Structures are given as structure tokens and as C-alpha cells.
PDB file of N, CA and C in Angstrom:
ATOM      1  N   MET A   1      -5.616 -32.920  40.103  1.00  0.00           N
ATOM      2  CA  MET A   1      -4.410 -32.286  40.581  1.00  0.00           C
ATOM      3  C   MET A   1      -4.798 -31.181  41.551  1.00  0.00           C
ATOM      4  N   LYS A   2      -3.897 -30.950  42.499  1.00  0.00           N
ATOM      5  CA  LYS A   2      -4.142 -29.886  43.459  1.00  0.00           C
ATOM      6  C   LYS A   2      -2.817 -29.248  43.851  1.00  0.00           C
ATOM      7  N   PRO A   3      -2.857 -27.991  44.292  1.00  0.00           N
ATOM      8  CA  PRO A   3      -1.628 -27.312  44.699  1.00  0.00           C
ATOM      9  C   PRO A   3      -0.858 -28.123  45.743  1.00  0.00           C
ATOM     10  N   GLY A   4       0.456 -28.169  45.575  1.00  0.00           N
ATOM     11  CA  GLY A   4       1.316 -28.899  46.485  1.00  0.00           C
ATOM     12  C   GLY A   4       1.690 -30.280  45.992  1.00  0.00           C
ATOM     13  N   GLU A   5       0.985 -30.802  45.015  1.00  0.00           N
ATOM     14  CA  GLU A   5       1.330 -32.119  44.478  1.00  0.00           C
ATOM     15  C   GLU A   5       2.678 -32.067  43.770  1.00  0.00           C
ATOM     16  N   LEU A   6       3.480 -33.081  43.999  1.00  0.00           N
ATOM     17  CA  LEU A   6       4.718 -33.270  43.257  1.00  0.00           C
ATOM     18  C   LEU A   6       4.418 -34.308  42.190  1.00  0.00           C
ATOM     19  N   ARG A   7       4.711 -33.971  40.934  1.00  0.00           N
ATOM     20  CA  ARG A   7       4.382 -34.849  39.813  1.00  0.00           C
ATOM     21  C   ARG A   7       5.594 -35.017  38.905  1.00  0.00           C
ATOM     22  N   ARG A   8       5.518 -36.022  38.031  1.00  0.00           N
ATOM     23  CA  ARG A   8       6.593 -36.320  37.077  1.00  0.00           C
ATOM     24  C   ARG A   8       5.979 -36.510  35.706  1.00  0.00           C
ATOM     25  N   PHE A   9       6.541 -35.823  34.689  1.00  0.00           N
ATOM     26  CA  PHE A   9       6.079 -36.040  33.321  1.00  0.00           C
ATOM     27  C   PHE A   9       6.471 -37.441  32.876  1.00  0.00           C
ATOM     28  N   ARG A  10       5.581 -38.080  32.185  1.00  0.00           N
ATOM     29  CA  ARG A  10       5.785 -39.459  31.730  1.00  0.00           C
ATOM     30  C   ARG A  10       6.878 -39.538  30.661  1.00  0.00           C
ATOM     31  N   ASP A  11       7.572 -40.682  30.639  1.00  0.00           N
ATOM     32  CA  ASP A  11       8.594 -40.925  29.631  1.00  0.00           C
ATOM     33  C   ASP A  11       7.982 -41.038  28.237  1.00  0.00           C
ATOM     34  N   SER A  12       6.710 -41.352  28.141  1.00  0.00           N
ATOM     35  CA  SER A  12       6.057 -41.536  26.847  1.00  0.00           C
ATOM     36  C   SER A  12       5.881 -40.230  26.081  1.00  0.00           C
ATOM     37  N   LEU A  13       6.225 -39.105  26.677  1.00  0.00           N
ATOM     38  CA  LEU A  13       6.104 -37.833  25.976  1.00  0.00           C
ATOM     39  C   LEU A  13       7.021 -37.764  24.768  1.00  0.00           C
ATOM     40  N   ILE A  14       8.056 -38.590  24.741  1.00  0.00           N
ATOM     41  CA  ILE A  14       8.962 -38.592  23.593  1.00  0.00           C
ATOM     42  C   ILE A  14       8.194 -38.917  22.309  1.00  0.00           C
ATOM     43  N   ALA A  15       7.170 -39.739  22.411  1.00  0.00           N
ATOM     44  CA  ALA A  15       6.365 -40.094  21.243  1.00  0.00           C
ATOM     45  C   ALA A  15       5.603 -38.883  20.714  1.00  0.00           C
ATOM     46  N   LEU A  16       5.374 -37.894  21.557  1.00  0.00           N
ATOM     47  CA  LEU A  16       4.665 -36.684  21.149  1.00  0.00           C
ATOM     48  C   LEU A  16       5.627 -35.579  20.719  1.00  0.00           C
ATOM     49  N   GLY A  17       6.919 -35.865  20.776  1.00  0.00           N
ATOM     50  CA  GLY A  17       7.917 -34.877  20.401  1.00  0.00           C
ATOM     51  C   GLY A  17       8.187 -33.835  21.472  1.00  0.00           C
ATOM     52  N   VAL A  18       7.817 -34.125  22.719  1.00  0.00           N
ATOM     53  CA  VAL A  18       7.999 -33.184  23.823  1.00  0.00           C
ATOM     54  C   VAL A  18       9.135 -33.698  24.703  1.00  0.00           C
ATOM     55  N   THR A  19      10.288 -33.899  24.099  1.00  0.00           N
ATOM     56  CA  THR A  19      11.398 -34.532  24.814  1.00  0.00           C
ATOM     57  C   THR A  19      11.975 -33.670  25.917  1.00  0.00           C
ATOM     58  N   HIS A  20      11.797 -32.348  25.874  1.00  0.00           N
ATOM     59  CA  HIS A  20      12.389 -31.487  26.904  1.00  0.00           C
ATOM     60  C   HIS A  20      11.661 -31.607  28.248  1.00  0.00           C
ATOM     61  N   LEU A  21      10.508 -32.246  28.280  1.00  0.00           N
ATOM     62  CA  LEU A  21       9.774 -32.439  29.536  1.00  0.00           C
ATOM     63  C   LEU A  21       9.872 -33.866  30.063  1.00  0.00           C
ATOM     64  N   GLU A  22      10.213 -34.778  29.211  1.00  0.00           N
ATOM     65  CA  GLU A  22      10.219 -36.199  29.552  1.00  0.00           C
ATOM     66  C   GLU A  22      10.963 -36.486  30.852  1.00  0.00           C
ATOM     67  N   GLY A  23      10.254 -37.085  31.819  1.00  0.00           N
ATOM     68  CA  GLY A  23      10.854 -37.501  33.079  1.00  0.00           C
ATOM     69  C   GLY A  23      11.094 -36.388  34.086  1.00  0.00           C
ATOM     70  N   SER A  24      10.824 -35.146  33.730  1.00  0.00           N
ATOM     71  CA  SER A  24      11.095 -34.061  34.673  1.00  0.00           C
ATOM     72  C   SER A  24      10.003 -33.970  35.733  1.00  0.00           C
ATOM     73  N   THR A  25      10.408 -33.508  36.893  1.00  0.00           N
ATOM     74  CA  THR A  25       9.466 -33.373  38.000  1.00  0.00           C
ATOM     75  C   THR A  25       9.040 -31.916  38.139  1.00  0.00           C
ATOM     76  N   PHE A  26       7.865 -31.734  38.724  1.00  0.00           N
ATOM     77  CA  PHE A  26       7.344 -30.391  38.933  1.00  0.00           C
ATOM     78  C   PHE A  26       6.359 -30.396  40.082  1.00  0.00           C
ATOM     79  N   MET A  27       6.092 -29.216  40.612  1.00  0.00           N
ATOM     80  CA  MET A  27       5.100 -29.060  41.670  1.00  0.00           C
ATOM     81  C   MET A  27       3.938 -28.229  41.138  1.00  0.00           C
ATOM     82  N   VAL A  28       2.735 -28.665  41.443  1.00  0.00           N
ATOM     83  CA  VAL A  28       1.542 -27.906  41.078  1.00  0.00           C
ATOM     84  C   VAL A  28       1.441 -26.719  42.029  1.00  0.00           C
ATOM     85  N   LEU A  29       1.372 -25.516  41.466  1.00  0.00           N
ATOM     86  CA  LEU A  29       1.275 -24.308  42.279  1.00  0.00           C
ATOM     87  C   LEU A  29      -0.149 -23.788  42.366  1.00  0.00           C
ATOM     88  N   LYS A  30      -0.849 -23.802  41.245  1.00  0.00           N
ATOM     89  CA  LYS A  30      -2.171 -23.189  41.198  1.00  0.00           C
ATOM     90  C   LYS A  30      -3.023 -23.886  40.148  1.00  0.00           C
ATOM     91  N   VAL A  31      -4.286 -24.114  40.488  1.00  0.00           N
ATOM     92  CA  VAL A  31      -5.246 -24.684  39.550  1.00  0.00           C
ATOM     93  C   VAL A  31      -6.349 -23.653  39.363  1.00  0.00           C
ATOM     94  N   ASP A  32      -6.508 -23.195  38.126  1.00  0.00           N
ATOM     95  CA  ASP A  32      -7.529 -22.186  37.839  1.00  0.00           C
ATOM     96  C   ASP A  32      -8.828 -22.846  37.409  1.00  0.00           C
ATOM     97  N   MET A  33      -9.896 -22.428  38.054  1.00  0.00           N
ATOM     98  CA  MET A  33     -11.229 -22.914  37.728  1.00  0.00           C
ATOM     99  C   MET A  33     -12.003 -21.743  37.150  1.00  0.00           C
ATOM    100  N   ALA A  34     -12.853 -22.011  36.192  1.00  0.00           N
ATOM    101  CA  ALA A  34     -13.625 -20.931  35.577  1.00  0.00           C
ATOM    102  C   ALA A  34     -15.037 -21.409  35.275  1.00  0.00           C
ATOM    103  N   GLY A  35     -15.943 -20.469  35.214  1.00  0.00           N
ATOM    104  CA  GLY A  35     -17.308 -20.791  34.828  1.00  0.00           C
ATOM    105  C   GLY A  35     -18.190 -21.219  35.974  1.00  0.00           C
ATOM    106  N   ARG A  36     -19.457 -21.250  35.702  1.00  0.00           N
ATOM    107  CA  ARG A  36     -20.450 -21.586  36.718  1.00  0.00           C
ATOM    108  C   ARG A  36     -20.300 -23.013  37.229  1.00  0.00           C
ATOM    109  N   ASN A  37     -19.882 -23.925  36.367  1.00  0.00           N
ATOM    110  CA  ASN A  37     -19.720 -25.329  36.755  1.00  0.00           C
ATOM    111  C   ASN A  37     -18.326 -25.630  37.293  1.00  0.00           C
ATOM    112  N   ARG A  38     -17.533 -24.573  37.508  1.00  0.00           N
ATOM    113  CA  ARG A  38     -16.170 -24.712  38.057  1.00  0.00           C
ATOM    114  C   ARG A  38     -15.320 -25.657  37.213  1.00  0.00           C
ATOM    115  N   VAL A  39     -15.383 -25.482  35.904  1.00  0.00           N
ATOM    116  CA  VAL A  39     -14.596 -26.293  34.987  1.00  0.00           C
ATOM    117  C   VAL A  39     -13.133 -25.867  35.082  1.00  0.00           C
ATOM    118  N   THR A  40     -12.236 -26.824  35.217  1.00  0.00           N
ATOM    119  CA  THR A  40     -10.814 -26.539  35.316  1.00  0.00           C
ATOM    120  C   THR A  40     -10.241 -26.272  33.929  1.00  0.00           C
ATOM    121  N   HIS A  41      -9.506 -25.192  33.821  1.00  0.00           N
ATOM    122  CA  HIS A  41      -8.938 -24.835  32.527  1.00  0.00           C
ATOM    123  C   HIS A  41      -7.413 -24.867  32.494  1.00  0.00           C
ATOM    124  N   THR A  42      -6.768 -24.255  33.481  1.00  0.00           N
ATOM    125  CA  THR A  42      -5.313 -24.147  33.435  1.00  0.00           C
ATOM    126  C   THR A  42      -4.675 -24.491  34.777  1.00  0.00           C
ATOM    127  N   VAL A  43      -3.361 -24.702  34.715  1.00  0.00           N
ATOM    128  CA  VAL A  43      -2.579 -25.011  35.911  1.00  0.00           C
ATOM    129  C   VAL A  43      -1.243 -24.275  35.813  1.00  0.00           C
ATOM    130  N   ASP A  44      -0.767 -23.784  36.941  1.00  0.00           N
ATOM    131  CA  ASP A  44       0.576 -23.197  37.037  1.00  0.00           C
ATOM    132  C   ASP A  44       1.442 -24.212  37.768  1.00  0.00           C
ATOM    133  N   ILE A  45       2.676 -24.381  37.277  1.00  0.00           N
ATOM    134  CA  ILE A  45       3.580 -25.347  37.894  1.00  0.00           C
ATOM    135  C   ILE A  45       4.937 -24.702  38.170  1.00  0.00           C
ATOM    136  N   LEU A  46       5.702 -25.332  39.041  1.00  0.00           N
ATOM    137  CA  LEU A  46       7.082 -24.946  39.309  1.00  0.00           C
ATOM    138  C   LEU A  46       7.954 -26.058  38.750  1.00  0.00           C
ATOM    139  N   ARG A  47       8.755 -25.729  37.736  1.00  0.00           N
ATOM    140  CA  ARG A  47       9.618 -26.708  37.081  1.00  0.00           C
ATOM    141  C   ARG A  47      10.995 -26.096  36.875  1.00  0.00           C
ATOM    142  N   ASP A  48      12.023 -26.791  37.291  1.00  0.00           N
ATOM    143  CA  ASP A  48      13.406 -26.302  37.176  1.00  0.00           C
ATOM    144  C   ASP A  48      13.574 -24.920  37.799  1.00  0.00           C
ATOM    145  N   GLY A  49      12.892 -24.699  38.921  1.00  0.00           N
ATOM    146  CA  GLY A  49      13.026 -23.445  39.639  1.00  0.00           C
ATOM    147  C   GLY A  49      12.296 -22.265  39.017  1.00  0.00           C
ATOM    148  N   LYS A  50      11.498 -22.520  37.983  1.00  0.00           N
ATOM    149  CA  LYS A  50      10.778 -21.449  37.306  1.00  0.00           C
ATOM    150  C   LYS A  50       9.281 -21.722  37.310  1.00  0.00           C
ATOM    151  N   ARG A  51       8.512 -20.675  37.497  1.00  0.00           N
ATOM    152  CA  ARG A  51       7.055 -20.786  37.453  1.00  0.00           C
ATOM    153  C   ARG A  51       6.622 -20.806  35.984  1.00  0.00           C
ATOM    154  N   VAL A  52       5.833 -21.807  35.627  1.00  0.00           N
ATOM    155  CA  VAL A  52       5.277 -21.919  34.285  1.00  0.00           C
ATOM    156  C   VAL A  52       3.773 -21.765  34.438  1.00  0.00           C
ATOM    157  N   GLU A  53       3.194 -20.779  33.777  1.00  0.00           N
ATOM    158  CA  GLU A  53       1.797 -20.429  33.999  1.00  0.00           C
ATOM    159  C   GLU A  53       0.889 -20.829  32.853  1.00  0.00           C
ATOM    160  N   SER A  54      -0.352 -21.115  33.225  1.00  0.00           N
ATOM    161  CA  SER A  54      -1.469 -21.290  32.296  1.00  0.00           C
ATOM    162  C   SER A  54      -1.296 -22.436  31.307  1.00  0.00           C
ATOM    163  N   TRP A  55      -0.764 -23.563  31.775  1.00  0.00           N
ATOM    164  CA  TRP A  55      -0.721 -24.748  30.924  1.00  0.00           C
ATOM    165  C   TRP A  55      -2.066 -25.449  31.019  1.00  0.00           C
ATOM    166  N   GLY A  56      -2.449 -26.138  29.979  1.00  0.00           N
ATOM    167  CA  GLY A  56      -3.719 -26.852  29.952  1.00  0.00           C
ATOM    168  C   GLY A  56      -3.791 -27.914  31.037  1.00  0.00           C
ATOM    169  N   TYR A  57      -4.794 -27.790  31.891  1.00  0.00           N
ATOM    170  CA  TYR A  57      -4.951 -28.703  33.026  1.00  0.00           C
ATOM    171  C   TYR A  57      -4.991 -30.160  32.582  1.00  0.00           C
ATOM    172  N   HIS A  58      -5.852 -30.478  31.630  1.00  0.00           N
ATOM    173  CA  HIS A  58      -6.033 -31.879  31.241  1.00  0.00           C
ATOM    174  C   HIS A  58      -4.781 -32.456  30.579  1.00  0.00           C
ATOM    175  N   TRP A  59      -4.074 -31.638  29.791  1.00  0.00           N
ATOM    176  CA  TRP A  59      -2.850 -32.129  29.157  1.00  0.00           C
ATOM    177  C   TRP A  59      -1.805 -32.441  30.219  1.00  0.00           C
ATOM    178  N   VAL A  60      -1.634 -31.533  31.173  1.00  0.00           N
ATOM    179  CA  VAL A  60      -0.637 -31.758  32.227  1.00  0.00           C
ATOM    180  C   VAL A  60      -1.016 -32.987  33.051  1.00  0.00           C
ATOM    181  N   LYS A  61      -2.289 -33.101  33.410  1.00  0.00           N
ATOM    182  CA  LYS A  61      -2.743 -34.242  34.217  1.00  0.00           C
ATOM    183  C   LYS A  61      -2.533 -35.561  33.478  1.00  0.00           C
ATOM    184  N   ASP A  62      -2.904 -35.591  32.201  1.00  0.00           N
ATOM    185  CA  ASP A  62      -2.790 -36.825  31.421  1.00  0.00           C
ATOM    186  C   ASP A  62      -1.354 -37.169  31.037  1.00  0.00           C
ATOM    187  N   SER A  63      -0.467 -36.183  31.057  1.00  0.00           N
ATOM    188  CA  SER A  63       0.922 -36.385  30.644  1.00  0.00           C
ATOM    189  C   SER A  63       1.871 -36.598  31.812  1.00  0.00           C
ATOM    190  N   SER A  64       1.323 -36.680  33.034  1.00  0.00           N
ATOM    191  CA  SER A  64       2.178 -36.817  34.215  1.00  0.00           C
ATOM    192  C   SER A  64       1.542 -37.771  35.224  1.00  0.00           C
ATOM    193  N   GLU A  65       2.334 -38.064  36.250  1.00  0.00           N
ATOM    194  CA  GLU A  65       1.851 -38.943  37.321  1.00  0.00           C
ATOM    195  C   GLU A  65       2.254 -38.354  38.660  1.00  0.00           C
ATOM    196  N   VAL A  66       1.476 -38.650  39.670  1.00  0.00           N
ATOM    197  CA  VAL A  66       1.732 -38.144  41.018  1.00  0.00           C
ATOM    198  C   VAL A  66       2.930 -38.862  41.627  1.00  0.00           C
ATOM    199  N   ILE A  67       3.823 -38.092  42.215  1.00  0.00           N
ATOM    200  CA  ILE A  67       4.918 -38.658  43.009  1.00  0.00           C
ATOM    201  C   ILE A  67       4.511 -38.619  44.470  1.00  0.00           C
ATOM    202  N   SER A  68       3.961 -37.488  44.903  1.00  0.00           N
ATOM    203  CA  SER A  68       3.432 -37.387  46.265  1.00  0.00           C
ATOM    204  C   SER A  68       2.307 -36.381  46.258  1.00  0.00           C
ATOM    205  N   GLU A  69       1.370 -36.567  47.184  1.00  0.00           N
ATOM    206  CA  GLU A  69       0.217 -35.682  47.275  1.00  0.00           C
ATOM    207  C   GLU A  69       0.366 -34.728  48.454  1.00  0.00           C
ATOM    208  N   ALA A  70      -0.157 -33.547  48.285  1.00  0.00           N
ATOM    209  CA  ALA A  70      -0.145 -32.561  49.370  1.00  0.00           C
ATOM    210  C   ALA A  70      -1.046 -33.030  50.494  1.00  0.00           C
ATOM    211  N   GLY A  71      -0.643 -32.728  51.718  1.00  0.00           N
ATOM    212  CA  GLY A  71      -1.340 -33.072  52.933  1.00  0.00           C
ATOM    213  C   GLY A  71      -2.772 -33.198  52.813  1.00  0.00           C
TER     214      GLY A  71
END
């Protein structure tokens, strides 16, 4: 994932009990990297007009799909 990507949470999130995100779209705002090996830890997104900060990068990536990629 990279800043500017438009993504959509998968419909399968209902199986995880995360129904409030199912099918919603969001934009990746910021990807935080940490450590000497530049391991990705968190991501900030824009969803429903609100900035949501410090969500787990891998969870967001695995729970969503790209709609369009930034330039």
C-alpha cells in the first residue's frame, strides 16, 4: 500500500465480526515505517471524511483491495 491508493474493505469482514467496515472505501494517507529494516507497522487512512490513524498495516492490506493506485 502507498499514500494516494483508493481501497475497499472486503465483504468477507463480516465473518470476522467487523461489519461496520464491510465494503467501505478509503484512501491511504500515510504509511509508517520503523526500524533499521524499514519494517512497515501502521497506516493512516481517510474513511467517511475522517482520518483514522495507526491501524495495523498488514491487517488493513489483507482486509482490503485496491480500487485505484496513485500515479
